[in-house]
Amino acid sequence: MGEKFSRRSFLKTVGTGFGLTTLFVTSGKTKNLTATTTKPKAMLIDIRKCIGCKACQIACKIWNKLPAEETRITAENEYVNPPRFSADTWCYVKFSEVREKEGIVKWRMASLRCMHCLEPACVSVCPTKALKKLPEGPVVYDPSRCIGCKYCVEACPWHVPHFDEEKKVISKCVFCVDRIKAGMVPACVANCQTGALQFGDRDEILEKAHSSGAPYIYGEKEAGGTSMIFVSDVPFKELGFPEVSSKPMETFKSDMLTSIASVGVIATIISFAGYFAAKFLRRKEEVAKTLKEEK
């Protein structure tokens, strides 16, 4: 893995005050994950074909050696188990109850994981270059460089990265980058029994999405485009998918940089204020002492 980063070494690198603002404009890099030149890959998730068997979810756990979690199936979570992403759950199947005009209830299931954005905000805001976007499509990370700042957690509109409280690093789907580099499909795709998950070059996946006959497509333009392309016969808003701008997450990055810059300015002001306040108090004490001696 890359050079081990600690909070102390990070702070030494960053410096103080305005120095905090300079690290956030660079893209992340991972030393031991060098990509070969290739077309960006993508996944097609056809919600109409998903039966909620969770084979993708189990395959992800097995391939990535992720431990099982103790969860509860409840109506409040629409019987989704686990109900959300976590440090140990990189892929899960979301169940959505949809009511038609006639009052008939039907279920739609969607296999979810990191969207692997074309211009990922998580990579842009990472101060230690722990996150990196590979030409093949995956957004990967180097845990040894993660300092647990959680900026990537805040940057993701889909709330994908999660902080592992035990290991003190972030954790998320890496699009089975090891399998892709070996010419294999992701584990979740390999184990899908209905064809709901398909893998290929992104341009080919988009062609399949547009020729699928599905009236709704998600992931092609959201956040500037992603590597996860969903097709559905139900509006994605009804399935609980967040409405995300078609523009890359530049606004979030700018807001974060502004906030960090503000923190740097405030920290600098506080430092100077403290210095001059202490100096003033010392001078006041010296004057009082002199007056007392003169008496």
Protein backbone atom coordinates (compact mmCIF):
# COMPACT_ATOMS: atom_id res chain seq x y z
CA MET A 1 0.00 0.00 0.00
CA GLY A 2 0.99 3.66 -0.19
CA GLU A 3 2.80 5.67 2.43
CA LYS A 4 0.98 5.50 5.75
CA PHE A 5 -0.71 8.77 6.67
CA SER A 6 -1.64 9.78 10.20
CA ARG A 7 -3.58 12.80 11.37
CA ARG A 8 -0.34 14.21 12.77
CA SER A 9 1.58 13.80 9.50
CA PHE A 10 -1.35 15.25 7.61
CA LEU A 11 -1.43 18.33 9.82
CA LYS A 12 2.32 18.74 9.34
CA THR A 13 1.77 18.62 5.59
CA VAL A 14 -1.15 20.99 5.59
CA GLY A 15 0.27 23.61 7.91
CA THR A 16 -1.95 26.19 9.55
CA GLY A 17 -4.37 28.95 8.59
CA PHE A 18 -4.53 29.47 4.83
CA GLY A 19 -2.43 26.40 4.19
CA LEU A 20 -5.54 24.30 4.80
CA THR A 21 -7.07 25.46 1.53
CA THR A 22 -4.40 24.39 -0.93
CA LEU A 23 -4.66 20.62 -0.73
CA PHE A 24 -8.27 20.33 -1.82
CA VAL A 25 -7.80 21.31 -5.46
CA THR A 26 -5.78 18.25 -6.46
CA SER A 27 -7.08 14.90 -7.67
CA GLY A 28 -6.51 11.73 -5.67
CA LYS A 29 -3.88 9.14 -6.59
CA THR A 30 -3.22 5.61 -5.42
CA LYS A 31 0.32 4.34 -5.87
CA ASN A 32 -0.37 0.65 -6.11
CA LEU A 33 -3.35 0.85 -8.46
CA THR A 34 -2.03 1.84 -11.87
CA ALA A 35 -4.66 1.69 -14.60
CA THR A 36 -4.09 0.50 -18.14
CA THR A 37 -5.43 2.52 -21.05
CA THR A 38 -8.90 1.20 -21.83
CA LYS A 39 -12.45 2.30 -22.47
CA PRO A 40 -14.39 3.26 -19.34
CA LYS A 41 -16.65 0.48 -18.15
CA ALA A 42 -20.18 0.70 -16.82
CA MET A 43 -22.97 -1.45 -15.46
CA LEU A 44 -26.57 -1.64 -16.66
CA ILE A 45 -29.10 -2.22 -13.88
CA ASP A 46 -32.51 -3.14 -15.30
CA ILE A 47 -34.96 -2.71 -12.44
CA ARG A 48 -37.69 -4.45 -14.46
CA LYS A 49 -35.72 -7.70 -14.37
CA CYS A 50 -34.60 -7.66 -10.72
CA ILE A 51 -36.41 -10.21 -8.53
CA GLY A 52 -34.70 -9.25 -5.28
CA CYS A 53 -32.84 -12.54 -4.85
CA LYS A 54 -29.81 -10.67 -3.42
CA ALA A 55 -27.30 -12.89 -5.23
CA CYS A 56 -25.40 -9.70 -6.09
CA GLN A 57 -25.35 -8.67 -2.45
CA ILE A 58 -24.04 -12.05 -1.30
CA ALA A 59 -21.46 -12.23 -4.11
CA CYS A 60 -20.12 -8.82 -3.08
CA LYS A 61 -19.76 -9.95 0.53
CA ILE A 62 -17.94 -13.14 -0.45
CA TRP A 63 -15.59 -11.67 -3.05
CA ASN A 64 -14.58 -8.68 -0.93
CA LYS A 65 -14.46 -10.69 2.32
CA LEU A 66 -16.93 -8.39 4.04
CA PRO A 67 -18.47 -9.59 7.32
CA ALA A 68 -22.19 -10.09 7.75
CA GLU A 69 -24.16 -7.52 9.73
CA GLU A 70 -26.87 -7.98 12.31
CA THR A 71 -29.93 -6.21 10.90
CA ARG A 72 -33.70 -6.32 11.31
CA ILE A 73 -36.31 -6.60 8.56
CA THR A 74 -39.02 -4.00 9.15
CA ALA A 75 -41.89 -2.49 7.19
CA GLU A 76 -40.40 0.94 7.90
CA ASN A 77 -37.35 -0.02 5.82
CA GLU A 78 -39.60 -1.60 3.16
CA TYR A 79 -38.14 -4.98 4.11
CA VAL A 80 -34.69 -3.99 2.85
CA ASN A 81 -31.97 -5.95 4.62
CA PRO A 82 -29.47 -4.39 5.21
CA PRO A 83 -31.40 -1.12 4.81
CA ARG A 84 -28.44 1.03 3.72
CA PHE A 85 -24.74 1.20 2.86
CA SER A 86 -22.20 0.71 5.61
CA ALA A 87 -18.48 0.05 5.95
CA ASP A 88 -19.27 -3.67 5.57
CA THR A 89 -22.11 -3.42 3.03
CA TRP A 90 -20.99 -2.20 -0.37
CA CYS A 91 -23.96 -3.55 -2.33
CA TYR A 92 -27.57 -4.08 -1.30
CA VAL A 93 -30.96 -4.53 -2.93
CA LYS A 94 -33.45 -1.75 -2.32
CA PHE A 95 -37.13 -2.75 -2.26
CA SER A 96 -39.70 -0.11 -3.22
CA GLU A 97 -43.46 -0.41 -2.89
CA VAL A 98 -45.19 1.31 -5.81
CA ARG A 99 -48.94 1.99 -5.97
CA GLU A 100 -50.56 2.12 -9.39
CA LYS A 101 -53.58 4.25 -10.28
CA GLU A 102 -55.96 1.34 -9.71
CA GLY A 103 -54.63 1.01 -6.17
CA ILE A 104 -52.69 -2.12 -7.01
CA VAL A 105 -49.41 -2.44 -5.14
CA LYS A 106 -46.33 -3.71 -6.95
CA TRP A 107 -42.72 -4.11 -5.93
CA ARG A 108 -39.64 -2.87 -7.69
CA MET A 109 -36.14 -3.92 -6.63
CA ALA A 110 -32.87 -2.18 -7.44
CA SER A 111 -29.32 -3.42 -6.87
CA LEU A 112 -27.34 -0.49 -5.46
CA ARG A 113 -23.63 0.23 -5.03
CA CYS A 114 -21.19 3.12 -5.55
CA MET A 115 -22.13 5.06 -8.69
CA HIS A 116 -18.46 5.49 -9.74
CA CYS A 117 -19.04 8.99 -11.11
CA LEU A 118 -17.15 10.17 -14.18
CA GLU A 119 -16.08 13.27 -12.23
CA PRO A 120 -16.33 12.12 -8.61
CA ALA A 121 -16.64 14.80 -5.96
CA CYS A 122 -15.21 12.41 -3.37
CA VAL A 123 -11.91 12.30 -5.26
CA SER A 124 -11.79 16.07 -5.63
CA VAL A 125 -12.27 16.80 -1.93
CA CYS A 126 -9.90 14.13 -0.57
CA PRO A 127 -7.00 16.04 1.07
CA THR A 128 -4.57 13.10 1.18
CA LYS A 129 -5.13 11.74 -2.34
CA ALA A 130 -6.50 8.50 -0.91
CA LEU A 131 -9.23 8.35 -3.59
CA LYS A 132 -8.62 8.02 -7.31
CA LYS A 133 -10.67 7.67 -10.49
CA LEU A 134 -9.25 5.03 -12.83
CA PRO A 135 -9.62 5.18 -16.64
CA GLU A 136 -11.46 1.84 -16.52
CA GLY A 137 -14.23 3.46 -14.52
CA PRO A 138 -13.76 2.44 -10.86
CA VAL A 139 -13.30 5.01 -8.11
CA VAL A 140 -10.79 3.33 -5.80
CA TYR A 141 -9.09 4.29 -2.57
CA ASP A 142 -5.94 3.57 -0.59
CA PRO A 143 -6.88 2.98 3.09
CA SER A 144 -3.29 3.64 4.20
CA ARG A 145 -3.63 7.26 3.07
CA CYS A 146 -7.06 7.85 4.63
CA ILE A 147 -7.01 10.09 7.71
CA GLY A 148 -10.71 9.78 8.45
CA CYS A 149 -11.65 13.39 7.66
CA LYS A 150 -14.95 12.15 6.12
CA TYR A 151 -15.00 14.83 3.42
CA CYS A 152 -15.80 12.13 0.84
CA VAL A 153 -18.77 11.06 2.97
CA GLU A 154 -20.16 14.59 2.85
CA ALA A 155 -19.38 15.03 -0.85
CA CYS A 156 -21.30 12.00 -2.15
CA PRO A 157 -24.92 12.75 -3.15
CA TRP A 158 -25.74 9.05 -2.78
CA HIS A 159 -24.19 8.65 0.70
CA VAL A 160 -22.01 5.77 -0.45
CA PRO A 161 -18.67 6.09 1.40
CA HIS A 162 -18.93 5.09 5.03
CA PHE A 163 -16.47 5.48 7.87
CA ASP A 164 -15.25 2.26 9.45
CA GLU A 165 -15.18 3.15 13.15
CA GLU A 166 -12.99 0.15 13.96
CA LYS A 167 -10.35 0.68 11.27
CA LYS A 168 -10.73 4.48 11.22
CA VAL A 169 -10.87 4.65 7.41
CA ILE A 170 -13.60 5.00 4.79
CA SER A 171 -14.97 1.96 2.99
CA LYS A 172 -17.00 1.50 -0.20
CA CYS A 173 -17.48 -0.50 -3.42
CA VAL A 174 -14.45 -0.46 -5.73
CA PHE A 175 -16.29 -1.87 -8.77
CA CYS A 176 -14.34 -5.15 -8.43
CA VAL A 177 -11.30 -3.40 -9.91
CA ASP A 178 -9.19 -6.53 -9.44
CA ARG A 179 -11.63 -8.59 -11.52
CA ILE A 180 -11.93 -5.92 -14.22
CA LYS A 181 -8.14 -5.72 -14.59
CA ALA A 182 -8.08 -9.51 -14.97
CA GLY A 183 -10.66 -9.35 -17.77
CA MET A 184 -13.53 -10.56 -15.59
CA VAL A 185 -16.91 -9.00 -14.84
CA PRO A 186 -17.74 -7.73 -11.32
CA ALA A 187 -18.79 -10.43 -8.86
CA CYS A 188 -22.32 -9.05 -8.58
CA VAL A 189 -22.82 -9.20 -12.35
CA ALA A 190 -21.37 -12.71 -12.58
CA ASN A 191 -23.95 -13.98 -10.09
CA CYS A 192 -27.07 -12.21 -11.39
CA GLN A 193 -29.49 -14.92 -12.54
CA THR A 194 -32.03 -12.78 -14.43
CA GLY A 195 -29.83 -10.53 -16.57
CA ALA A 196 -30.79 -7.51 -14.47
CA LEU A 197 -27.08 -6.68 -14.21
CA GLN A 198 -24.92 -6.32 -17.32
CA PHE A 199 -21.35 -5.09 -17.69
CA GLY A 200 -19.44 -3.58 -20.60
CA ASP A 201 -17.98 -0.46 -22.18
CA ARG A 202 -19.95 2.59 -21.08
CA ASP A 203 -20.92 3.63 -24.60
CA GLU A 204 -22.30 0.15 -25.29
CA ILE A 205 -24.16 0.10 -21.97
CA LEU A 206 -25.77 3.44 -22.83
CA GLU A 207 -26.84 2.07 -26.21
CA LYS A 208 -28.48 -0.88 -24.45
CA ALA A 209 -30.21 1.44 -22.00
CA HIS A 210 -31.69 3.61 -24.74
CA SER A 211 -32.79 0.62 -26.81
CA SER A 212 -34.26 -1.27 -23.84
CA GLY A 213 -37.69 0.29 -24.19
CA ALA A 214 -37.58 1.53 -20.60
CA PRO A 215 -39.09 5.04 -20.29
CA TYR A 216 -36.76 6.12 -17.48
CA ILE A 217 -32.94 6.18 -17.35
CA TYR A 218 -30.86 7.19 -14.33
CA GLY A 219 -27.10 7.65 -14.05
CA GLU A 220 -26.33 8.74 -17.59
CA LYS A 221 -26.26 12.44 -16.75
CA GLU A 222 -26.62 12.69 -12.97
CA ALA A 223 -23.61 14.41 -11.33
CA GLY A 224 -22.05 14.76 -14.77
CA GLY A 225 -22.52 11.08 -15.57
CA THR A 226 -21.85 7.84 -13.70
CA SER A 227 -20.77 4.26 -14.36
CA MET A 228 -24.07 2.87 -13.04
CA ILE A 229 -26.86 3.14 -15.61
CA PHE A 230 -30.34 2.24 -14.33
CA VAL A 231 -33.41 1.64 -16.50
CA SER A 232 -36.94 1.44 -15.10
CA ASP A 233 -40.63 1.41 -15.99
CA VAL A 234 -41.34 3.52 -12.89
CA PRO A 235 -40.12 7.10 -12.26
CA PHE A 236 -36.96 6.98 -10.16
CA LYS A 237 -38.38 9.53 -7.75
CA GLU A 238 -41.03 6.98 -6.78
CA LEU A 239 -38.24 4.48 -6.12
CA GLY A 240 -36.51 6.81 -3.68
CA PHE A 241 -33.60 7.76 -5.95
CA PRO A 242 -32.30 11.27 -5.14
CA GLU A 243 -32.72 14.00 -7.72
CA VAL A 244 -29.15 14.95 -8.62
CA SER A 245 -28.11 17.76 -10.95
CA SER A 246 -26.69 16.82 -14.33
CA LYS A 247 -23.70 19.05 -13.60
CA PRO A 248 -20.59 17.60 -11.92
CA MET A 249 -20.51 18.29 -8.20
CA GLU A 250 -18.47 21.49 -8.68
CA THR A 251 -20.90 23.49 -6.56
CA PHE A 252 -20.36 21.23 -3.59
CA LYS A 253 -16.60 21.37 -4.08
CA SER A 254 -16.68 25.17 -4.24
CA ASP A 255 -18.85 25.37 -1.13
CA MET A 256 -16.51 23.02 0.71
CA LEU A 257 -13.44 24.96 -0.36
CA THR A 258 -15.12 28.18 0.75
CA SER A 259 -15.95 26.63 4.11
CA ILE A 260 -12.41 25.35 4.57
CA ALA A 261 -10.98 28.70 3.53
CA SER A 262 -13.28 30.37 6.05
CA VAL A 263 -12.03 28.01 8.73
CA GLY A 264 -8.46 28.91 7.80
CA VAL A 265 -9.21 32.63 7.97
CA ILE A 266 -11.06 32.30 11.27
CA ALA A 267 -8.26 30.19 12.74
CA THR A 268 -5.71 32.79 11.69
CA ILE A 269 -7.78 35.65 13.15
CA ILE A 270 -8.26 33.77 16.42
CA SER A 271 -4.52 33.09 16.62
CA PHE A 272 -3.63 36.75 16.11
CA ALA A 273 -6.38 37.89 18.49
CA GLY A 274 -5.07 35.54 21.17
CA TYR A 275 -1.52 36.75 20.65
CA PHE A 276 -2.37 40.44 20.94
CA ALA A 277 -4.74 39.85 23.87
CA ALA A 278 -1.97 38.07 25.78
CA LYS A 279 0.50 40.81 24.88
CA PHE A 280 -1.95 43.50 26.06
CA LEU A 281 -2.52 41.74 29.39
CA ARG A 282 1.23 41.40 29.98
CA ARG A 283 1.74 45.10 29.23
CA LYS A 284 -1.12 46.02 31.56
CA GLU A 285 0.47 44.00 34.37
CA GLU A 286 3.86 45.66 33.76
CA VAL A 287 2.33 49.17 33.94
CA ALA A 288 0.43 48.31 37.14
CA LYS A 289 3.62 46.97 38.71
CA THR A 290 5.57 50.12 37.76
CA LEU A 291 2.90 52.42 39.24
CA LYS A 292 2.88 50.40 42.46
CA GLU A 293 6.67 50.67 42.79
CA GLU A 294 6.59 54.45 42.23
CA LYS A 295 4.15 54.85 45.11
